[in-house]
Amino acid sequence: MLAAALWLAVGAPARAEIRLSDLTIYLNDYEVTVHVVALGAVPPTFYESIQSGIPAHVRFTIELWQYNRFWRDRLLTTQLIERHLTYNVVTKEYRVTFLKGETRPVYATRDLRDAQRVLSELRATKLTPASELDPDDIIYVRVRAETALNGENTFVARMAGTAEQTLQQSDFRRIRRVQ
């Protein structure tokens, strides 16, 4: 028992964890949008695998919640955005493909840093029209980001260092502007 605990404590690979930054909710007259950046979406431990042809997947799950003071909070909408990064050994080119939640053309570059930027940044992701929300509601957003080699994000993959995930919640926002 002690040996197993020691093995888990010492044997776990050291890696940089994925973190969410700049989580911002924008409430304009027409829609609710979210901006978020995933830092460390492609950790350095993934580089060798990506350059040997294994794709790296990044999945964002964005949830819009309504705060209720005396009861459970209510989930209003969920949006799933999935992207993956591949490397072509022949052309020495990185390709970011937008799989779910976005209709953008494939982004190709020779610079890994540029591919990471496109892979990890969500700009102006539209969640819901503002007209569908009650002006007196208090809302917040939860974002879960997952990154994995070959799309496999399981407990075993996270222990092996080939997958990571994180969760962040925004501050509460009131729909109606208070004068």
N, C-alpha and C. Protein backbone atom coordinates (compact mmCIF):
# COMPACT_ATOMS: atom_id res chain seq x y z
N MET A 1 0.83 -1.19 0.00
CA MET A 1 0.00 0.00 0.00
C MET A 1 0.88 1.25 0.00
N LEU A 2 1.87 1.28 0.87
CA LEU A 2 2.78 2.42 0.94
C LEU A 2 3.59 2.54 -0.35
N ALA A 3 3.97 1.41 -0.93
CA ALA A 3 4.74 1.44 -2.17
C ALA A 3 3.91 2.01 -3.31
N ALA A 4 2.62 1.67 -3.37
CA ALA A 4 1.75 2.20 -4.42
C ALA A 4 1.55 3.71 -4.27
N ALA A 5 1.38 4.18 -3.05
CA ALA A 5 1.22 5.61 -2.81
C ALA A 5 2.50 6.36 -3.17
N LEU A 6 3.64 5.78 -2.83
CA LEU A 6 4.93 6.40 -3.16
C LEU A 6 5.14 6.41 -4.66
N TRP A 7 4.75 5.33 -5.35
CA TRP A 7 4.89 5.27 -6.79
C TRP A 7 4.04 6.35 -7.46
N LEU A 8 2.80 6.56 -6.98
CA LEU A 8 1.94 7.59 -7.55
C LEU A 8 2.48 8.99 -7.27
N ALA A 9 3.04 9.18 -6.10
CA ALA A 9 3.55 10.51 -5.75
C ALA A 9 4.82 10.85 -6.52
N VAL A 10 5.71 9.88 -6.68
CA VAL A 10 7.00 10.13 -7.32
C VAL A 10 6.93 9.84 -8.82
N GLY A 11 6.15 8.85 -9.21
CA GLY A 11 6.13 8.40 -10.59
C GLY A 11 5.30 9.24 -11.53
N ALA A 12 4.50 10.16 -11.04
CA ALA A 12 3.69 10.98 -11.92
C ALA A 12 4.58 11.94 -12.69
N PRO A 13 4.38 12.05 -14.00
CA PRO A 13 5.26 12.90 -14.80
C PRO A 13 5.06 14.38 -14.48
N ALA A 14 6.15 15.13 -14.47
CA ALA A 14 6.06 16.56 -14.26
C ALA A 14 5.67 17.22 -15.57
N ARG A 15 4.66 18.08 -15.55
CA ARG A 15 4.20 18.73 -16.77
C ARG A 15 3.57 20.07 -16.43
N ALA A 16 3.53 20.90 -17.42
CA ALA A 16 2.86 22.19 -17.25
C ALA A 16 1.37 21.97 -17.45
N GLU A 17 0.57 22.47 -16.57
CA GLU A 17 -0.87 22.26 -16.65
C GLU A 17 -1.52 23.30 -17.56
N ILE A 18 -2.60 22.90 -18.18
CA ILE A 18 -3.38 23.82 -18.99
C ILE A 18 -4.11 24.78 -18.04
N ARG A 19 -4.12 26.06 -18.38
CA ARG A 19 -4.78 27.08 -17.57
C ARG A 19 -5.62 27.96 -18.47
N LEU A 20 -6.72 28.47 -17.93
CA LEU A 20 -7.57 29.40 -18.67
C LEU A 20 -7.29 30.81 -18.21
N SER A 21 -7.21 31.71 -19.17
CA SER A 21 -6.90 33.10 -18.87
C SER A 21 -7.85 34.00 -19.66
N ASP A 22 -8.02 35.20 -19.19
CA ASP A 22 -8.80 36.23 -19.88
C ASP A 22 -10.24 35.79 -20.16
N LEU A 23 -10.86 35.08 -19.22
CA LEU A 23 -12.26 34.70 -19.39
C LEU A 23 -13.12 35.95 -19.21
N THR A 24 -13.78 36.36 -20.28
CA THR A 24 -14.56 37.59 -20.28
C THR A 24 -15.91 37.34 -20.94
N ILE A 25 -16.97 37.86 -20.32
CA ILE A 25 -18.31 37.79 -20.89
C ILE A 25 -18.67 39.18 -21.40
N TYR A 26 -19.15 39.23 -22.63
CA TYR A 26 -19.60 40.49 -23.21
C TYR A 26 -21.12 40.44 -23.38
N LEU A 27 -21.79 41.43 -22.83
CA LEU A 27 -23.24 41.55 -22.95
C LEU A 27 -23.52 42.80 -23.78
N ASN A 28 -23.89 42.60 -25.01
CA ASN A 28 -24.30 43.76 -25.79
C ASN A 28 -25.80 43.66 -26.04
N ASP A 29 -26.34 44.50 -26.88
CA ASP A 29 -27.78 44.54 -27.09
C ASP A 29 -28.31 43.33 -27.86
N TYR A 30 -27.43 42.59 -28.53
CA TYR A 30 -27.89 41.53 -29.41
C TYR A 30 -27.58 40.12 -28.92
N GLU A 31 -26.43 39.91 -28.30
CA GLU A 31 -26.06 38.56 -27.91
C GLU A 31 -25.05 38.55 -26.76
N VAL A 32 -24.91 37.37 -26.17
CA VAL A 32 -23.92 37.14 -25.12
C VAL A 32 -22.75 36.42 -25.77
N THR A 33 -21.56 36.99 -25.65
CA THR A 33 -20.37 36.39 -26.24
C THR A 33 -19.31 36.18 -25.16
N VAL A 34 -18.39 35.26 -25.44
CA VAL A 34 -17.34 34.90 -24.49
C VAL A 34 -15.99 34.94 -25.19
N HIS A 35 -14.99 35.40 -24.46
CA HIS A 35 -13.60 35.38 -24.92
C HIS A 35 -12.78 34.66 -23.87
N VAL A 36 -11.96 33.70 -24.28
CA VAL A 36 -11.11 32.96 -23.34
C VAL A 36 -9.86 32.46 -24.07
N VAL A 37 -8.77 32.34 -23.33
CA VAL A 37 -7.51 31.83 -23.87
C VAL A 37 -7.05 30.68 -22.98
N ALA A 38 -6.68 29.57 -23.60
CA ALA A 38 -6.14 28.41 -22.88
C ALA A 38 -4.62 28.45 -22.96
N LEU A 39 -3.99 28.75 -21.84
CA LEU A 39 -2.52 28.77 -21.78
C LEU A 39 -2.02 27.35 -21.58
N GLY A 40 -1.03 26.95 -22.34
CA GLY A 40 -0.49 25.60 -22.22
C GLY A 40 -1.38 24.57 -22.89
N ALA A 41 -2.12 24.97 -23.93
CA ALA A 41 -3.01 24.03 -24.61
C ALA A 41 -2.22 22.90 -25.28
N VAL A 42 -1.01 23.20 -25.70
CA VAL A 42 -0.12 22.17 -26.24
C VAL A 42 1.13 22.18 -25.37
N PRO A 43 1.18 21.33 -24.35
CA PRO A 43 2.34 21.31 -23.47
C PRO A 43 3.59 20.81 -24.19
N PRO A 44 4.76 21.17 -23.71
CA PRO A 44 6.00 20.72 -24.34
C PRO A 44 6.15 19.20 -24.42
N THR A 45 5.47 18.48 -23.55
CA THR A 45 5.55 17.02 -23.60
C THR A 45 4.83 16.45 -24.82
N PHE A 46 3.98 17.26 -25.48
CA PHE A 46 3.26 16.81 -26.67
C PHE A 46 4.07 17.02 -27.95
N TYR A 47 5.11 17.85 -27.94
CA TYR A 47 5.80 18.25 -29.16
C TYR A 47 6.33 17.07 -29.97
N GLU A 48 6.99 16.15 -29.32
CA GLU A 48 7.57 15.02 -30.03
C GLU A 48 6.49 14.16 -30.66
N SER A 49 5.40 13.94 -29.96
CA SER A 49 4.30 13.15 -30.50
C SER A 49 3.64 13.84 -31.68
N ILE A 50 3.44 15.15 -31.60
CA ILE A 50 2.82 15.89 -32.70
C ILE A 50 3.72 15.83 -33.93
N GLN A 51 5.02 16.01 -33.74
CA GLN A 51 5.92 16.00 -34.88
C GLN A 51 6.12 14.61 -35.47
N SER A 52 5.66 13.58 -34.78
CA SER A 52 5.70 12.24 -35.35
C SER A 52 4.36 11.85 -35.99
N GLY A 53 3.40 12.77 -35.99
CA GLY A 53 2.15 12.54 -36.71
C GLY A 53 0.93 12.31 -35.86
N ILE A 54 1.04 12.33 -34.55
CA ILE A 54 -0.12 12.14 -33.67
C ILE A 54 -0.80 13.50 -33.46
N PRO A 55 -2.10 13.62 -33.76
CA PRO A 55 -2.77 14.92 -33.60
C PRO A 55 -3.04 15.25 -32.14
N ALA A 56 -3.03 16.53 -31.85
CA ALA A 56 -3.40 17.02 -30.52
C ALA A 56 -4.78 17.66 -30.62
N HIS A 57 -5.66 17.28 -29.72
CA HIS A 57 -7.04 17.79 -29.71
C HIS A 57 -7.22 18.75 -28.55
N VAL A 58 -7.96 19.81 -28.79
CA VAL A 58 -8.36 20.75 -27.74
C VAL A 58 -9.87 20.89 -27.83
N ARG A 59 -10.52 20.73 -26.68
CA ARG A 59 -11.98 20.81 -26.62
C ARG A 59 -12.37 21.82 -25.53
N PHE A 60 -13.22 22.76 -25.91
CA PHE A 60 -13.76 23.74 -24.97
C PHE A 60 -15.24 23.46 -24.80
N THR A 61 -15.69 23.35 -23.56
CA THR A 61 -17.11 23.25 -23.26
C THR A 61 -17.49 24.52 -22.52
N ILE A 62 -18.34 25.32 -23.14
CA ILE A 62 -18.74 26.61 -22.59
C ILE A 62 -20.20 26.51 -22.16
N GLU A 63 -20.45 26.79 -20.88
CA GLU A 63 -21.80 26.69 -20.33
C GLU A 63 -22.24 28.05 -19.79
N LEU A 64 -23.43 28.46 -20.15
CA LEU A 64 -24.03 29.69 -19.63
C LEU A 64 -25.04 29.29 -18.55
N TRP A 65 -24.85 29.80 -17.33
CA TRP A 65 -25.68 29.44 -16.18
C TRP A 65 -26.44 30.66 -15.68
N GLN A 66 -27.63 30.42 -15.14
CA GLN A 66 -28.41 31.44 -14.47
C GLN A 66 -28.30 31.20 -12.97
N TYR A 67 -27.90 32.21 -12.24
CA TYR A 67 -27.76 32.11 -10.79
C TYR A 67 -29.13 32.19 -10.12
N ASN A 68 -29.39 31.27 -9.19
CA ASN A 68 -30.60 31.29 -8.37
C ASN A 68 -30.18 31.33 -6.91
N ARG A 69 -30.67 32.29 -6.20
CA ARG A 69 -30.24 32.50 -4.82
C ARG A 69 -30.66 31.37 -3.88
N PHE A 70 -31.88 30.88 -4.00
CA PHE A 70 -32.41 29.91 -3.04
C PHE A 70 -32.56 28.50 -3.60
N TRP A 71 -32.08 28.25 -4.80
CA TRP A 71 -32.23 26.94 -5.41
C TRP A 71 -31.00 26.66 -6.26
N ARG A 72 -30.99 25.54 -6.93
CA ARG A 72 -29.86 25.21 -7.79
C ARG A 72 -29.79 26.16 -8.97
N ASP A 73 -28.59 26.43 -9.42
CA ASP A 73 -28.43 27.25 -10.61
C ASP A 73 -28.93 26.48 -11.83
N ARG A 74 -29.38 27.22 -12.84
CA ARG A 74 -29.98 26.59 -14.01
C ARG A 74 -29.07 26.77 -15.23
N LEU A 75 -28.82 25.67 -15.91
CA LEU A 75 -28.02 25.69 -17.13
C LEU A 75 -28.89 26.21 -18.27
N LEU A 76 -28.44 27.31 -18.91
CA LEU A 76 -29.21 27.91 -19.99
C LEU A 76 -28.80 27.36 -21.36
N THR A 77 -27.53 27.26 -21.60
CA THR A 77 -27.05 26.75 -22.89
C THR A 77 -25.62 26.22 -22.75
N THR A 78 -25.28 25.30 -23.64
CA THR A 78 -23.94 24.73 -23.68
C THR A 78 -23.44 24.76 -25.11
N GLN A 79 -22.18 25.10 -25.26
CA GLN A 79 -21.58 25.08 -26.59
C GLN A 79 -20.27 24.32 -26.52
N LEU A 80 -20.07 23.42 -27.47
CA LEU A 80 -18.85 22.62 -27.55
C LEU A 80 -18.05 23.07 -28.75
N ILE A 81 -16.78 23.39 -28.52
CA ILE A 81 -15.88 23.80 -29.59
C ILE A 81 -14.69 22.86 -29.55
N GLU A 82 -14.41 22.24 -30.68
CA GLU A 82 -13.33 21.28 -30.75
C GLU A 82 -12.42 21.60 -31.93
N ARG A 83 -11.12 21.55 -31.66
CA ARG A 83 -10.10 21.82 -32.68
C ARG A 83 -9.01 20.78 -32.56
N HIS A 84 -8.30 20.54 -33.65
CA HIS A 84 -7.13 19.68 -33.52
C HIS A 84 -5.98 20.18 -34.37
N LEU A 85 -4.79 19.84 -33.90
CA LEU A 85 -3.54 20.28 -34.50
C LEU A 85 -2.81 19.07 -35.05
N THR A 86 -2.43 19.14 -36.32
CA THR A 86 -1.65 18.07 -36.94
C THR A 86 -0.40 18.67 -37.57
N TYR A 87 0.58 17.82 -37.77
CA TYR A 87 1.84 18.23 -38.38
C TYR A 87 2.10 17.34 -39.58
N ASN A 88 2.39 17.96 -40.72
CA ASN A 88 2.73 17.23 -41.93
C ASN A 88 4.25 17.18 -42.03
N VAL A 89 4.80 16.00 -41.95
CA VAL A 89 6.25 15.83 -41.93
C VAL A 89 6.87 16.22 -43.27
N VAL A 90 6.17 15.98 -44.36
CA VAL A 90 6.70 16.26 -45.69
C VAL A 90 6.80 17.76 -45.94
N THR A 91 5.69 18.49 -45.69
CA THR A 91 5.68 19.93 -45.95
C THR A 91 6.16 20.75 -44.75
N LYS A 92 6.38 20.09 -43.61
CA LYS A 92 6.80 20.76 -42.37
C LYS A 92 5.83 21.88 -42.01
N GLU A 93 4.54 21.53 -42.02
CA GLU A 93 3.48 22.50 -41.82
C GLU A 93 2.52 22.02 -40.74
N TYR A 94 2.14 22.94 -39.85
CA TYR A 94 1.14 22.67 -38.82
C TYR A 94 -0.22 23.09 -39.36
N ARG A 95 -1.23 22.27 -39.09
CA ARG A 95 -2.60 22.58 -39.55
C ARG A 95 -3.54 22.53 -38.36
N VAL A 96 -4.29 23.60 -38.17
CA VAL A 96 -5.33 23.66 -37.14
C VAL A 96 -6.66 23.49 -37.85
N THR A 97 -7.37 22.42 -37.48
CA THR A 97 -8.67 22.12 -38.07
C THR A 97 -9.75 22.38 -37.04
N PHE A 98 -10.80 23.06 -37.45
CA PHE A 98 -11.91 23.41 -36.57
C PHE A 98 -13.00 22.36 -36.77
N LEU A 99 -13.17 21.47 -35.79
CA LEU A 99 -14.04 20.31 -35.96
C LEU A 99 -15.49 20.59 -35.58
N LYS A 100 -15.74 21.10 -34.38
CA LYS A 100 -17.11 21.31 -33.90
C LYS A 100 -17.27 22.73 -33.39
N GLY A 101 -18.45 23.28 -33.61
CA GLY A 101 -18.79 24.58 -33.03
C GLY A 101 -18.34 25.78 -33.81
N GLU A 102 -17.54 25.58 -34.86
CA GLU A 102 -17.05 26.70 -35.66
C GLU A 102 -17.03 26.30 -37.13
N THR A 103 -17.26 27.27 -37.98
CA THR A 103 -17.15 27.03 -39.41
C THR A 103 -16.09 27.95 -39.97
N ARG A 104 -14.86 27.60 -39.73
CA ARG A 104 -13.72 28.37 -40.20
C ARG A 104 -12.88 27.48 -41.10
N PRO A 105 -12.17 28.07 -42.05
CA PRO A 105 -11.29 27.24 -42.89
C PRO A 105 -10.10 26.74 -42.10
N VAL A 106 -9.48 25.71 -42.60
CA VAL A 106 -8.29 25.14 -41.97
C VAL A 106 -7.19 26.19 -41.97
N TYR A 107 -6.50 26.30 -40.83
CA TYR A 107 -5.41 27.28 -40.69
C TYR A 107 -4.09 26.52 -40.80
N ALA A 108 -3.23 26.94 -41.71
CA ALA A 108 -1.94 26.28 -41.91
C ALA A 108 -0.82 27.27 -41.70
N THR A 109 0.24 26.81 -41.02
CA THR A 109 1.40 27.65 -40.76
C THR A 109 2.62 26.76 -40.55
N ARG A 110 3.79 27.33 -40.68
CA ARG A 110 5.03 26.59 -40.40
C ARG A 110 5.56 26.87 -39.00
N ASP A 111 4.94 27.79 -38.29
CA ASP A 111 5.39 28.18 -36.97
C ASP A 111 4.50 27.53 -35.90
N LEU A 112 5.10 26.75 -35.01
CA LEU A 112 4.35 26.08 -33.95
C LEU A 112 3.69 27.08 -33.02
N ARG A 113 4.37 28.15 -32.69
CA ARG A 113 3.81 29.16 -31.79
C ARG A 113 2.55 29.79 -32.38
N ASP A 114 2.54 30.05 -33.67
CA ASP A 114 1.38 30.61 -34.34
C ASP A 114 0.22 29.61 -34.33
N ALA A 115 0.51 28.34 -34.55
CA ALA A 115 -0.52 27.30 -34.52
C ALA A 115 -1.10 27.17 -33.11
N GLN A 116 -0.26 27.27 -32.09
CA GLN A 116 -0.74 27.21 -30.71
C GLN A 116 -1.67 28.37 -30.40
N ARG A 117 -1.35 29.55 -30.89
CA ARG A 117 -2.18 30.72 -30.64
C ARG A 117 -3.57 30.53 -31.24
N VAL A 118 -3.64 30.05 -32.47
CA VAL A 118 -4.93 29.83 -33.13
C VAL A 118 -5.69 28.72 -32.44
N LEU A 119 -5.00 27.70 -32.00
CA LEU A 119 -5.63 26.55 -31.35
C LEU A 119 -6.24 26.90 -30.00
N SER A 120 -5.61 27.81 -29.27
CA SER A 120 -5.98 28.02 -27.87
C SER A 120 -6.83 29.25 -27.60
N GLU A 121 -7.10 30.06 -28.58
CA GLU A 121 -7.82 31.32 -28.32
C GLU A 121 -9.23 31.28 -28.91
N LEU A 122 -10.21 31.56 -28.06
CA LEU A 122 -11.60 31.69 -28.50
C LEU A 122 -11.97 33.17 -28.45
N ARG A 123 -12.36 33.71 -29.58
CA ARG A 123 -12.74 35.11 -29.64
C ARG A 123 -14.20 35.23 -30.04
N ALA A 124 -14.93 36.02 -29.31
CA ALA A 124 -16.33 36.35 -29.63
C ALA A 124 -17.16 35.12 -29.94
N THR A 125 -17.09 34.14 -29.07
CA THR A 125 -17.92 32.95 -29.22
C THR A 125 -19.33 33.29 -28.78
N LYS A 126 -20.28 33.18 -29.68
CA LYS A 126 -21.66 33.57 -29.41
C LYS A 126 -22.37 32.44 -28.66
N LEU A 127 -22.97 32.78 -27.51
CA LEU A 127 -23.68 31.79 -26.72
C LEU A 127 -25.18 31.80 -26.95
N THR A 128 -25.79 32.97 -26.82
CA THR A 128 -27.25 33.07 -26.95
C THR A 128 -27.62 34.51 -27.28
N PRO A 129 -28.75 34.70 -27.95
CA PRO A 129 -29.23 36.07 -28.16
C PRO A 129 -29.65 36.70 -26.82
N ALA A 130 -29.38 37.96 -26.66
CA ALA A 130 -29.71 38.65 -25.42
C ALA A 130 -31.22 38.74 -25.23
N SER A 131 -31.98 38.68 -26.29
CA SER A 131 -33.44 38.78 -26.18
C SER A 131 -34.05 37.57 -25.50
N GLU A 132 -33.34 36.45 -25.44
CA GLU A 132 -33.86 35.24 -24.80
C GLU A 132 -33.67 35.24 -23.28
N LEU A 133 -32.94 36.21 -22.76
CA LEU A 133 -32.66 36.27 -21.33
C LEU A 133 -33.55 37.29 -20.64
N ASP A 134 -33.91 37.00 -19.42
CA ASP A 134 -34.67 37.93 -18.60
C ASP A 134 -33.73 39.04 -18.14
N PRO A 135 -34.13 40.30 -18.28
CA PRO A 135 -33.24 41.41 -17.90
C PRO A 135 -32.84 41.42 -16.42
N ASP A 136 -33.61 40.76 -15.56
CA ASP A 136 -33.30 40.75 -14.13
C ASP A 136 -32.42 39.57 -13.72
N ASP A 137 -32.07 38.71 -14.66
CA ASP A 137 -31.26 37.53 -14.35
C ASP A 137 -29.82 37.90 -14.01
N ILE A 138 -29.21 37.02 -13.23
CA ILE A 138 -27.78 37.09 -12.97
C ILE A 138 -27.19 35.84 -13.59
N ILE A 139 -26.19 36.03 -14.45
CA ILE A 139 -25.63 34.91 -15.19
C ILE A 139 -24.14 34.78 -14.92
N TYR A 140 -23.60 33.62 -15.25
CA TYR A 140 -22.16 33.40 -15.24
C TYR A 140 -21.83 32.31 -16.24
N VAL A 141 -20.56 32.18 -16.56
CA VAL A 141 -20.09 31.22 -17.55
C VAL A 141 -19.08 30.29 -16.92
N ARG A 142 -19.18 29.00 -17.25
CA ARG A 142 -18.16 28.01 -16.87
C ARG A 142 -17.53 27.50 -18.16
N VAL A 143 -16.21 27.46 -18.16
CA VAL A 143 -15.49 26.94 -19.32
C VAL A 143 -14.60 25.79 -18.86
N ARG A 144 -14.75 24.65 -19.54
CA ARG A 144 -13.86 23.51 -19.29
C ARG A 144 -13.04 23.31 -20.55
N ALA A 145 -11.73 23.28 -20.38
CA ALA A 145 -10.82 23.06 -21.50
C ALA A 145 -10.11 21.73 -21.29
N GLU A 146 -10.05 20.95 -22.35
CA GLU A 146 -9.39 19.65 -22.32
C GLU A 146 -8.41 19.59 -23.49
N THR A 147 -7.25 19.06 -23.26
CA THR A 147 -6.28 18.83 -24.32
C THR A 147 -5.77 17.41 -24.20
N ALA A 148 -5.60 16.76 -25.34
CA ALA A 148 -5.18 15.37 -25.33
C ALA A 148 -4.53 15.00 -26.65
N LEU A 149 -3.60 14.08 -26.58
CA LEU A 149 -3.04 13.51 -27.79
C LEU A 149 -4.02 12.49 -28.34
N ASN A 150 -4.25 12.53 -29.61
CA ASN A 150 -5.12 11.58 -30.30
C ASN A 150 -6.57 11.61 -29.78
N GLY A 151 -6.96 12.68 -29.07
CA GLY A 151 -8.33 12.84 -28.62
C GLY A 151 -8.75 12.01 -27.43
N GLU A 152 -7.85 11.29 -26.81
CA GLU A 152 -8.20 10.41 -25.70
C GLU A 152 -7.95 11.12 -24.37
N ASN A 153 -9.03 11.54 -23.71
CA ASN A 153 -8.92 12.22 -22.42
C ASN A 153 -9.60 11.36 -21.36
N THR A 154 -8.85 10.43 -20.81
CA THR A 154 -9.33 9.55 -19.76
C THR A 154 -8.45 9.72 -18.54
N PHE A 155 -8.84 9.11 -17.44
CA PHE A 155 -8.04 9.17 -16.22
C PHE A 155 -6.64 8.60 -16.45
N VAL A 156 -6.59 7.48 -17.16
CA VAL A 156 -5.29 6.84 -17.44
C VAL A 156 -4.43 7.75 -18.32
N ALA A 157 -5.04 8.39 -19.32
CA ALA A 157 -4.28 9.30 -20.19
C ALA A 157 -3.78 10.51 -19.41
N ARG A 158 -4.58 11.02 -18.47
CA ARG A 158 -4.12 12.15 -17.66
C ARG A 158 -2.97 11.74 -16.73
N MET A 159 -3.03 10.53 -16.19
CA MET A 159 -1.94 10.05 -15.35
C MET A 159 -0.67 9.81 -16.16
N ALA A 160 -0.81 9.41 -17.41
CA ALA A 160 0.34 9.15 -18.27
C ALA A 160 0.93 10.45 -18.82
N GLY A 161 0.22 11.56 -18.69
CA GLY A 161 0.74 12.84 -19.16
C GLY A 161 0.37 13.15 -20.60
N THR A 162 -0.56 12.39 -21.21
CA THR A 162 -0.96 12.66 -22.59
C THR A 162 -2.30 13.38 -22.67
N ALA A 163 -2.84 13.81 -21.54
CA ALA A 163 -4.09 14.57 -21.54
C ALA A 163 -4.13 15.45 -20.28
N GLU A 164 -4.80 16.59 -20.41
CA GLU A 164 -4.98 17.50 -19.29
C GLU A 164 -6.34 18.18 -19.43
N GLN A 165 -6.86 18.67 -18.31
CA GLN A 165 -8.11 19.41 -18.34
C GLN A 165 -8.15 20.41 -17.20
N THR A 166 -8.98 21.44 -17.37
CA THR A 166 -9.14 22.46 -16.35
C THR A 166 -10.54 23.06 -16.46
N LEU A 167 -10.96 23.75 -15.41
CA LEU A 167 -12.29 24.37 -15.35
C LEU A 167 -12.15 25.74 -14.71
N GLN A 168 -12.85 26.72 -15.28
CA GLN A 168 -12.85 28.06 -14.70
C GLN A 168 -14.24 28.65 -14.81
N GLN A 169 -14.62 29.42 -13.80
CA GLN A 169 -15.92 30.08 -13.76
C GLN A 169 -15.72 31.58 -13.75
N SER A 170 -16.58 32.28 -14.48
CA SER A 170 -16.49 33.74 -14.53
C SER A 170 -17.17 34.36 -13.31
N ASP A 171 -17.05 35.66 -13.21
CA ASP A 171 -17.78 36.40 -12.19
C ASP A 171 -19.25 36.47 -12.57
N PHE A 172 -20.09 36.79 -11.58
CA PHE A 172 -21.51 36.96 -11.85
C PHE A 172 -21.73 38.26 -12.61
N ARG A 173 -22.65 38.21 -13.57
CA ARG A 173 -22.97 39.40 -14.35
C ARG A 173 -24.47 39.60 -14.35
N ARG A 174 -24.90 40.82 -14.19
CA ARG A 174 -26.33 41.15 -14.25
C ARG A 174 -26.63 41.57 -15.69
N ILE A 175 -27.76 41.10 -16.20
CA ILE A 175 -28.15 41.41 -17.57
C ILE A 175 -28.48 42.89 -17.74
N ARG A 176 -29.32 43.38 -16.86
CA ARG A 176 -29.73 44.79 -16.93
C ARG A 176 -28.63 45.65 -16.34
N ARG A 177 -28.32 46.69 -17.03
CA ARG A 177 -27.29 47.62 -16.52
C ARG A 177 -27.90 48.44 -15.39
N VAL A 178 -27.18 48.49 -14.28
CA VAL A 178 -27.65 49.24 -13.12
C VAL A 178 -27.15 50.67 -13.24
N GLN A 179 -28.06 51.62 -13.14
CA GLN A 179 -27.70 53.03 -13.29
C GLN A 179 -27.16 53.60 -12.01
